[in-house]
Amino acid sequence: MKKTASFLVAVAVMSLASSLAYAYDPSPLQDFCVAIDEPKNAVFVNGKFCKNPNLTVAVDFFFHGLNIPGNTENLVGSNVTLVNVDSLPGLNTLGISIARIDYAPYGENPPHTHPRATEILTVLEGTLFVGFVTSNPENRLISKVLNKGDVFVFPFGLIHFQFNTGHTPAVAIAALSSQNPGVITIANAVFGSNPPINPDVLAKAFQLDKKVVELLQAVF
C-alpha cells in the first residue's frame, strides 16, 4: 500500500513538473533554428520551420531600425516597434524578443497583458509612470515613477501599463521572455472584440448602463 501511495505521489509530481516545463517557450535542442516560411527540406520546431543550419547567414540574426522613432500620432499617443521571431528569424526557439516603445507627451501604452512572457522595461528618455495589477482577489496596483536609466519588471501575464507624465517625448526598451510574447490590450479586447460581446454581459460585469457599453463598443 505504501509503495502504491509513493508511486502515485511521484506520478503527480512528475505531471506537475511536466506542465510547468511547457508553460514557457521550450528550450532549444540545438545552437539555433532560424525560422523560414519554406517547408522544403526543413524541420518544424516551435511553430516555425527551421532553416538548414549550413545555410544560415548573419542577416538571419540581424534587425536594423530600432533606433528609428515610432509614429505616436494615434489615440493613445504611443508606438511599439516589436522585434520578434516574425521580424528576426534567428530568434526562433531562443525564448526572447525586444521592443522599442515611443511615447508622445502624455501618451500611454494602455493596460495590456502578454499571454506568453514576462517583460523588463528600461527607460532611455523621459519620465514614465508604470504599474501592474496583481491577480484576483487582491487586485493590488504596484506602481512606480521611472526616470532615465530606471528598470522595472512586469510579471508574466499580469495587466500592466506605462504613461508618459512629461511634456516631452519618452522612449523605453522592453525585453520579453518569449520569441512571440503576444499582446492583449484590455480595452480593445473587451469593447472591440469581433463579433462584439453582448452589451448585457459587459454592462453587468462593469456595472455600467447598457448605453454606455454600446458607446464604448462603437469607439473600439
C-alpha atoms as a PDB file:
ATOM      1  CA  MET A   1       0.000   0.000   0.000  1.00  0.00           C
ATOM      2  CA  LYS A   2       2.857   2.370   0.903  1.00  0.00           C
ATOM      3  CA  LYS A   3       4.591   1.620  -2.401  1.00  0.00           C
ATOM      4  CA  THR A   4       1.389   2.375  -4.314  1.00  0.00           C
ATOM      5  CA  ALA A   5       0.944   5.667  -2.471  1.00  0.00           C
ATOM      6  CA  SER A   6       4.568   6.636  -3.121  1.00  0.00           C
ATOM      7  CA  PHE A   7       4.177   5.792  -6.793  1.00  0.00           C
ATOM      8  CA  LEU A   8       1.042   7.933  -7.095  1.00  0.00           C
ATOM      9  CA  VAL A   9       2.784  10.858  -5.382  1.00  0.00           C
ATOM     10  CA  ALA A  10       5.743  10.519  -7.754  1.00  0.00           C
ATOM     11  CA  VAL A  11       3.434  10.469 -10.789  1.00  0.00           C
ATOM     12  CA  ALA A  12       1.610  13.564  -9.528  1.00  0.00           C
ATOM     13  CA  VAL A  13       4.882  15.442  -9.015  1.00  0.00           C
ATOM     14  CA  MET A  14       6.156  14.443 -12.457  1.00  0.00           C
ATOM     15  CA  SER A  15       2.881  15.535 -14.057  1.00  0.00           C
ATOM     16  CA  LEU A  16       3.108  18.912 -12.342  1.00  0.00           C
ATOM     17  CA  ALA A  17       6.722  19.319 -13.395  1.00  0.00           C
ATOM     18  CA  SER A  18       5.847  18.464 -16.992  1.00  0.00           C
ATOM     19  CA  SER A  19       3.027  21.010 -17.078  1.00  0.00           C
ATOM     20  CA  LEU A  20       5.343  23.687 -15.699  1.00  0.00           C
ATOM     21  CA  ALA A  21       8.070  22.802 -18.177  1.00  0.00           C
ATOM     22  CA  TYR A  22       5.786  23.603 -21.092  1.00  0.00           C
ATOM     23  CA  ALA A  23       4.430  26.838 -19.606  1.00  0.00           C
ATOM     24  CA  TYR A  24       7.107  28.854 -21.424  1.00  0.00           C
ATOM     25  CA  ASP A  25       8.924  28.668 -24.750  1.00  0.00           C
ATOM     26  CA  PRO A  26      10.650  25.256 -24.914  1.00  0.00           C
ATOM     27  CA  SER A  27      14.410  25.182 -24.561  1.00  0.00           C
ATOM     28  CA  PRO A  28      16.297  24.728 -27.847  1.00  0.00           C
ATOM     29  CA  LEU A  29      17.906  21.371 -28.528  1.00  0.00           C
ATOM     30  CA  GLN A  30      20.414  22.835 -30.965  1.00  0.00           C
ATOM     31  CA  ASP A  31      22.517  26.012 -31.299  1.00  0.00           C
ATOM     32  CA  PHE A  32      19.809  27.804 -33.269  1.00  0.00           C
ATOM     33  CA  CYS A  33      16.799  27.243 -35.507  1.00  0.00           C
ATOM     34  CA  VAL A  34      16.386  30.123 -37.959  1.00  0.00           C
ATOM     35  CA  ALA A  35      12.714  30.383 -38.926  1.00  0.00           C
ATOM     36  CA  ILE A  36      11.728  30.137 -42.599  1.00  0.00           C
ATOM     37  CA  ASP A  37       8.414  30.002 -44.431  1.00  0.00           C
ATOM     38  CA  GLU A  38       9.541  27.403 -46.986  1.00  0.00           C
ATOM     39  CA  PRO A  39       8.972  23.886 -45.588  1.00  0.00           C
ATOM     40  CA  LYS A  40      11.066  22.087 -48.214  1.00  0.00           C
ATOM     41  CA  ASN A  41      13.947  20.225 -46.568  1.00  0.00           C
ATOM     42  CA  ALA A  42      13.101  21.861 -43.237  1.00  0.00           C
ATOM     43  CA  VAL A  43      12.089  20.764 -39.745  1.00  0.00           C
ATOM     44  CA  PHE A  44       9.050  22.167 -37.924  1.00  0.00           C
ATOM     45  CA  VAL A  45      10.088  23.417 -34.450  1.00  0.00           C
ATOM     46  CA  ASN A  46       8.136  25.619 -32.017  1.00  0.00           C
ATOM     47  CA  GLY A  47       5.664  26.932 -34.586  1.00  0.00           C
ATOM     48  CA  LYS A  48       8.209  27.642 -37.328  1.00  0.00           C
ATOM     49  CA  PHE A  49      10.137  25.705 -39.958  1.00  0.00           C
ATOM     50  CA  CYS A  50      13.882  25.629 -39.341  1.00  0.00           C
ATOM     51  CA  LYS A  51      16.356  26.666 -41.974  1.00  0.00           C
ATOM     52  CA  ASN A  52      19.156  24.244 -42.748  1.00  0.00           C
ATOM     53  CA  PRO A  53      21.892  25.300 -40.269  1.00  0.00           C
ATOM     54  CA  ASN A  54      24.518  25.066 -43.015  1.00  0.00           C
ATOM     55  CA  LEU A  55      22.647  27.745 -44.984  1.00  0.00           C
ATOM     56  CA  THR A  56      22.285  30.313 -42.181  1.00  0.00           C
ATOM     57  CA  VAL A  57      23.956  33.708 -42.600  1.00  0.00           C
ATOM     58  CA  ALA A  58      24.488  36.769 -40.394  1.00  0.00           C
ATOM     59  CA  VAL A  59      21.357  38.520 -41.667  1.00  0.00           C
ATOM     60  CA  ASP A  60      19.240  35.721 -40.153  1.00  0.00           C
ATOM     61  CA  PHE A  61      20.276  37.047 -36.724  1.00  0.00           C
ATOM     62  CA  PHE A  62      20.103  40.762 -37.540  1.00  0.00           C
ATOM     63  CA  PHE A  63      17.477  43.521 -37.334  1.00  0.00           C
ATOM     64  CA  HIS A  64      18.015  47.124 -38.369  1.00  0.00           C
ATOM     65  CA  GLY A  65      15.982  50.143 -37.331  1.00  0.00           C
ATOM     66  CA  LEU A  66      15.340  50.057 -33.596  1.00  0.00           C
ATOM     67  CA  ASN A  67      16.946  53.496 -33.413  1.00  0.00           C
ATOM     68  CA  ILE A  68      14.124  54.960 -35.539  1.00  0.00           C
ATOM     69  CA  PRO A  69      11.319  56.624 -33.519  1.00  0.00           C
ATOM     70  CA  GLY A  70       7.863  55.128 -33.984  1.00  0.00           C
ATOM     71  CA  ASN A  71       4.861  57.198 -35.048  1.00  0.00           C
ATOM     72  CA  THR A  72       2.938  58.222 -31.926  1.00  0.00           C
ATOM     73  CA  GLU A  73       0.232  60.204 -33.728  1.00  0.00           C
ATOM     74  CA  ASN A  74      -2.632  57.977 -32.622  1.00  0.00           C
ATOM     75  CA  LEU A  75      -5.371  57.972 -29.980  1.00  0.00           C
ATOM     76  CA  VAL A  76      -3.171  56.607 -27.175  1.00  0.00           C
ATOM     77  CA  GLY A  77      -0.010  58.509 -28.120  1.00  0.00           C
ATOM     78  CA  SER A  78       2.403  55.593 -28.241  1.00  0.00           C
ATOM     79  CA  ASN A  79       4.025  53.210 -30.683  1.00  0.00           C
ATOM     80  CA  VAL A  80       5.548  49.773 -30.121  1.00  0.00           C
ATOM     81  CA  THR A  81       8.227  48.537 -32.529  1.00  0.00           C
ATOM     82  CA  LEU A  82       8.410  44.820 -31.758  1.00  0.00           C
ATOM     83  CA  VAL A  83      11.317  42.635 -32.816  1.00  0.00           C
ATOM     84  CA  ASN A  84      10.048  39.067 -32.506  1.00  0.00           C
ATOM     85  CA  VAL A  85      10.531  35.865 -34.458  1.00  0.00           C
ATOM     86  CA  ASP A  86       8.483  37.215 -37.370  1.00  0.00           C
ATOM     87  CA  SER A  87      10.901  40.100 -37.957  1.00  0.00           C
ATOM     88  CA  LEU A  88      14.093  38.415 -36.717  1.00  0.00           C
ATOM     89  CA  PRO A  89      14.021  34.723 -37.751  1.00  0.00           C
ATOM     90  CA  GLY A  90      17.079  33.855 -35.673  1.00  0.00           C
ATOM     91  CA  LEU A  91      15.010  34.303 -32.506  1.00  0.00           C
ATOM     92  CA  ASN A  92      13.160  31.055 -33.193  1.00  0.00           C
ATOM     93  CA  THR A  93      13.436  28.685 -30.164  1.00  0.00           C
ATOM     94  CA  LEU A  94      15.565  31.201 -28.210  1.00  0.00           C
ATOM     95  CA  GLY A  95      12.720  32.382 -25.985  1.00  0.00           C
ATOM     96  CA  ILE A  96      13.363  36.128 -26.169  1.00  0.00           C
ATOM     97  CA  SER A  97      12.278  39.255 -28.042  1.00  0.00           C
ATOM     98  CA  ILE A  98      12.727  43.005 -27.731  1.00  0.00           C
ATOM     99  CA  ALA A  99      10.679  46.127 -28.373  1.00  0.00           C
ATOM    100  CA  ARG A 100      11.161  49.875 -28.628  1.00  0.00           C
ATOM    101  CA  ILE A 101       8.300  51.906 -27.184  1.00  0.00           C
ATOM    102  CA  ASP A 102       7.850  55.577 -28.084  1.00  0.00           C
ATOM    103  CA  TYR A 103       5.535  57.831 -26.094  1.00  0.00           C
ATOM    104  CA  ALA A 104       4.205  61.224 -27.140  1.00  0.00           C
ATOM    105  CA  PRO A 105       3.899  63.818 -24.355  1.00  0.00           C
ATOM    106  CA  TYR A 106       1.230  62.417 -22.004  1.00  0.00           C
ATOM    107  CA  GLY A 107       0.911  59.373 -24.232  1.00  0.00           C
ATOM    108  CA  GLU A 108       0.494  55.875 -22.842  1.00  0.00           C
ATOM    109  CA  ASN A 109       0.946  52.226 -23.596  1.00  0.00           C
ATOM    110  CA  PRO A 110      -2.539  51.313 -22.319  1.00  0.00           C
ATOM    111  CA  PRO A 111      -3.326  48.468 -19.919  1.00  0.00           C
ATOM    112  CA  HIS A 112      -2.446  45.179 -21.594  1.00  0.00           C
ATOM    113  CA  THR A 113      -1.008  41.755 -20.912  1.00  0.00           C
ATOM    114  CA  HIS A 114       1.430  39.403 -22.622  1.00  0.00           C
ATOM    115  CA  PRO A 115      -0.008  35.868 -22.508  1.00  0.00           C
ATOM    116  CA  ARG A 116       3.382  34.237 -23.083  1.00  0.00           C
ATOM    117  CA  ALA A 117       6.001  36.476 -21.481  1.00  0.00           C
ATOM    118  CA  THR A 118       7.481  38.415 -18.598  1.00  0.00           C
ATOM    119  CA  GLU A 119       8.606  41.931 -19.581  1.00  0.00           C
ATOM    120  CA  ILE A 120      11.510  44.005 -18.291  1.00  0.00           C
ATOM    121  CA  LEU A 121      11.465  47.698 -19.230  1.00  0.00           C
ATOM    122  CA  THR A 122      14.334  50.212 -19.335  1.00  0.00           C
ATOM    123  CA  VAL A 123      13.660  53.937 -19.745  1.00  0.00           C
ATOM    124  CA  LEU A 124      16.000  55.588 -22.252  1.00  0.00           C
ATOM    125  CA  GLU A 125      14.479  59.065 -22.274  1.00  0.00           C
ATOM    126  CA  GLY A 126      11.766  60.851 -20.308  1.00  0.00           C
ATOM    127  CA  THR A 127       9.688  60.015 -17.247  1.00  0.00           C
ATOM    128  CA  LEU A 128       7.134  57.203 -17.120  1.00  0.00           C
ATOM    129  CA  PHE A 129       4.501  56.235 -14.584  1.00  0.00           C
ATOM    130  CA  VAL A 130       4.278  52.444 -14.813  1.00  0.00           C
ATOM    131  CA  GLY A 131       2.490  49.703 -12.963  1.00  0.00           C
ATOM    132  CA  PHE A 132       0.858  46.294 -12.915  1.00  0.00           C
ATOM    133  CA  VAL A 133      -2.124  44.774 -11.120  1.00  0.00           C
ATOM    134  CA  THR A 134      -1.894  41.533  -9.167  1.00  0.00           C
ATOM    135  CA  SER A 135      -4.343  38.689  -9.757  1.00  0.00           C
ATOM    136  CA  ASN A 136      -7.706  38.125  -8.043  1.00  0.00           C
ATOM    137  CA  PRO A 137      -8.836  38.560  -5.371  1.00  0.00           C
ATOM    138  CA  GLU A 138      -6.251  41.138  -4.260  1.00  0.00           C
ATOM    139  CA  ASN A 139      -6.063  43.170  -7.497  1.00  0.00           C
ATOM    140  CA  ARG A 140      -3.364  45.341  -5.956  1.00  0.00           C
ATOM    141  CA  LEU A 141      -1.764  48.075  -8.044  1.00  0.00           C
ATOM    142  CA  ILE A 142       2.029  48.090  -7.856  1.00  0.00           C
ATOM    143  CA  SER A 143       3.330  51.250  -9.498  1.00  0.00           C
ATOM    144  CA  LYS A 144       6.407  53.442  -9.772  1.00  0.00           C
ATOM    145  CA  VAL A 145       7.608  56.618 -11.481  1.00  0.00           C
ATOM    146  CA  LEU A 146      10.614  55.805 -13.669  1.00  0.00           C
ATOM    147  CA  ASN A 147      13.272  58.157 -14.963  1.00  0.00           C
ATOM    148  CA  LYS A 148      16.051  57.743 -17.493  1.00  0.00           C
ATOM    149  CA  GLY A 149      18.076  54.601 -16.754  1.00  0.00           C
ATOM    150  CA  ASP A 150      15.480  53.056 -14.443  1.00  0.00           C
ATOM    151  CA  VAL A 151      14.380  49.441 -14.903  1.00  0.00           C
ATOM    152  CA  PHE A 152      11.043  47.829 -13.993  1.00  0.00           C
ATOM    153  CA  VAL A 153       9.738  44.293 -14.463  1.00  0.00           C
ATOM    154  CA  PHE A 154       6.163  43.266 -15.287  1.00  0.00           C
ATOM    155  CA  PRO A 155       5.474  39.679 -14.137  1.00  0.00           C
ATOM    156  CA  PHE A 156       4.249  37.019 -16.522  1.00  0.00           C
ATOM    157  CA  GLY A 157       0.671  37.508 -17.734  1.00  0.00           C
ATOM    158  CA  LEU A 158      -0.284  40.398 -15.416  1.00  0.00           C
ATOM    159  CA  ILE A 159      -2.073  43.513 -16.675  1.00  0.00           C
ATOM    160  CA  HIS A 160       0.357  46.435 -16.882  1.00  0.00           C
ATOM    161  CA  PHE A 161       0.765  49.905 -18.422  1.00  0.00           C
ATOM    162  CA  GLN A 162       3.134  52.831 -18.986  1.00  0.00           C
ATOM    163  CA  PHE A 163       2.176  56.527 -19.046  1.00  0.00           C
ATOM    164  CA  ASN A 164       4.385  59.443 -20.078  1.00  0.00           C
ATOM    165  CA  THR A 165       3.949  62.064 -17.364  1.00  0.00           C
ATOM    166  CA  GLY A 166       6.141  64.640 -19.086  1.00  0.00           C
ATOM    167  CA  HIS A 167       5.564  67.295 -21.722  1.00  0.00           C
ATOM    168  CA  THR A 168       8.382  65.857 -23.870  1.00  0.00           C
ATOM    169  CA  PRO A 169       8.562  62.517 -25.717  1.00  0.00           C
ATOM    170  CA  ALA A 170       9.771  59.423 -23.878  1.00  0.00           C
ATOM    171  CA  VAL A 171      11.461  56.241 -25.089  1.00  0.00           C
ATOM    172  CA  ALA A 172      11.853  52.819 -23.493  1.00  0.00           C
ATOM    173  CA  ILE A 173      13.255  49.434 -24.457  1.00  0.00           C
ATOM    174  CA  ALA A 174      11.482  46.267 -23.334  1.00  0.00           C
ATOM    175  CA  ALA A 175      12.829  42.716 -23.336  1.00  0.00           C
ATOM    176  CA  LEU A 176      10.324  39.855 -23.231  1.00  0.00           C
ATOM    177  CA  SER A 177      10.804  36.210 -22.321  1.00  0.00           C
ATOM    178  CA  SER A 178       9.287  34.744 -25.486  1.00  0.00           C
ATOM    179  CA  GLN A 179      10.072  34.756 -29.185  1.00  0.00           C
ATOM    180  CA  ASN A 180       6.393  35.644 -29.688  1.00  0.00           C
ATOM    181  CA  PRO A 181       5.030  37.197 -26.455  1.00  0.00           C
ATOM    182  CA  GLY A 182       1.664  38.242 -27.865  1.00  0.00           C
ATOM    183  CA  VAL A 183      -0.333  41.168 -26.529  1.00  0.00           C
ATOM    184  CA  ILE A 184      -3.910  41.635 -25.344  1.00  0.00           C
ATOM    185  CA  THR A 185      -4.914  45.283 -24.947  1.00  0.00           C
ATOM    186  CA  ILE A 186      -7.684  45.154 -22.368  1.00  0.00           C
ATOM    187  CA  ALA A 187      -9.994  47.857 -23.726  1.00  0.00           C
ATOM    188  CA  ASN A 188      -9.669  46.651 -27.315  1.00  0.00           C
ATOM    189  CA  ALA A 189     -10.280  43.035 -26.351  1.00  0.00           C
ATOM    190  CA  VAL A 190     -13.307  43.746 -24.150  1.00  0.00           C
ATOM    191  CA  PHE A 191     -15.019  46.529 -26.083  1.00  0.00           C
ATOM    192  CA  GLY A 192     -13.632  45.881 -29.558  1.00  0.00           C
ATOM    193  CA  SER A 193     -13.985  42.117 -29.936  1.00  0.00           C
ATOM    194  CA  ASN A 194     -15.203  40.674 -33.222  1.00  0.00           C
ATOM    195  CA  PRO A 195     -18.023  39.779 -33.048  1.00  0.00           C
ATOM    196  CA  PRO A 196     -18.921  42.109 -30.155  1.00  0.00           C
ATOM    197  CA  ILE A 197     -19.574  40.748 -26.686  1.00  0.00           C
ATOM    198  CA  ASN A 198     -23.250  41.050 -25.750  1.00  0.00           C
ATOM    199  CA  PRO A 199     -23.672  44.526 -24.147  1.00  0.00           C
ATOM    200  CA  ASP A 200     -25.760  42.982 -21.364  1.00  0.00           C
ATOM    201  CA  VAL A 201     -22.766  40.868 -20.355  1.00  0.00           C
ATOM    202  CA  LEU A 202     -20.430  43.863 -20.207  1.00  0.00           C
ATOM    203  CA  ALA A 203     -22.995  46.102 -18.520  1.00  0.00           C
ATOM    204  CA  LYS A 204     -23.282  43.651 -15.659  1.00  0.00           C
ATOM    205  CA  ALA A 205     -19.554  42.920 -15.495  1.00  0.00           C
ATOM    206  CA  PHE A 206     -18.539  46.584 -15.353  1.00  0.00           C
ATOM    207  CA  GLN A 207     -21.673  47.822 -13.546  1.00  0.00           C
ATOM    208  CA  LEU A 208     -22.398  50.256 -16.355  1.00  0.00           C
ATOM    209  CA  ASP A 209     -25.521  51.354 -18.143  1.00  0.00           C
ATOM    210  CA  LYS A 210     -26.044  49.338 -21.321  1.00  0.00           C
ATOM    211  CA  LYS A 211     -25.984  52.531 -23.407  1.00  0.00           C
ATOM    212  CA  VAL A 212     -22.549  53.402 -22.035  1.00  0.00           C
ATOM    213  CA  VAL A 213     -21.303  49.959 -23.044  1.00  0.00           C
ATOM    214  CA  GLU A 214     -22.690  50.361 -26.545  1.00  0.00           C
ATOM    215  CA  LEU A 215     -20.993  53.766 -26.795  1.00  0.00           C
ATOM    216  CA  LEU A 216     -17.663  52.226 -25.776  1.00  0.00           C
ATOM    217  CA  GLN A 217     -18.108  49.406 -28.268  1.00  0.00           C
ATOM    218  CA  ALA A 218     -18.692  51.958 -31.001  1.00  0.00           C
ATOM    219  CA  VAL A 219     -15.406  53.676 -30.096  1.00  0.00           C
ATOM    220  CA  PHE A 220     -13.335  50.497 -30.129  1.00  0.00           C
END
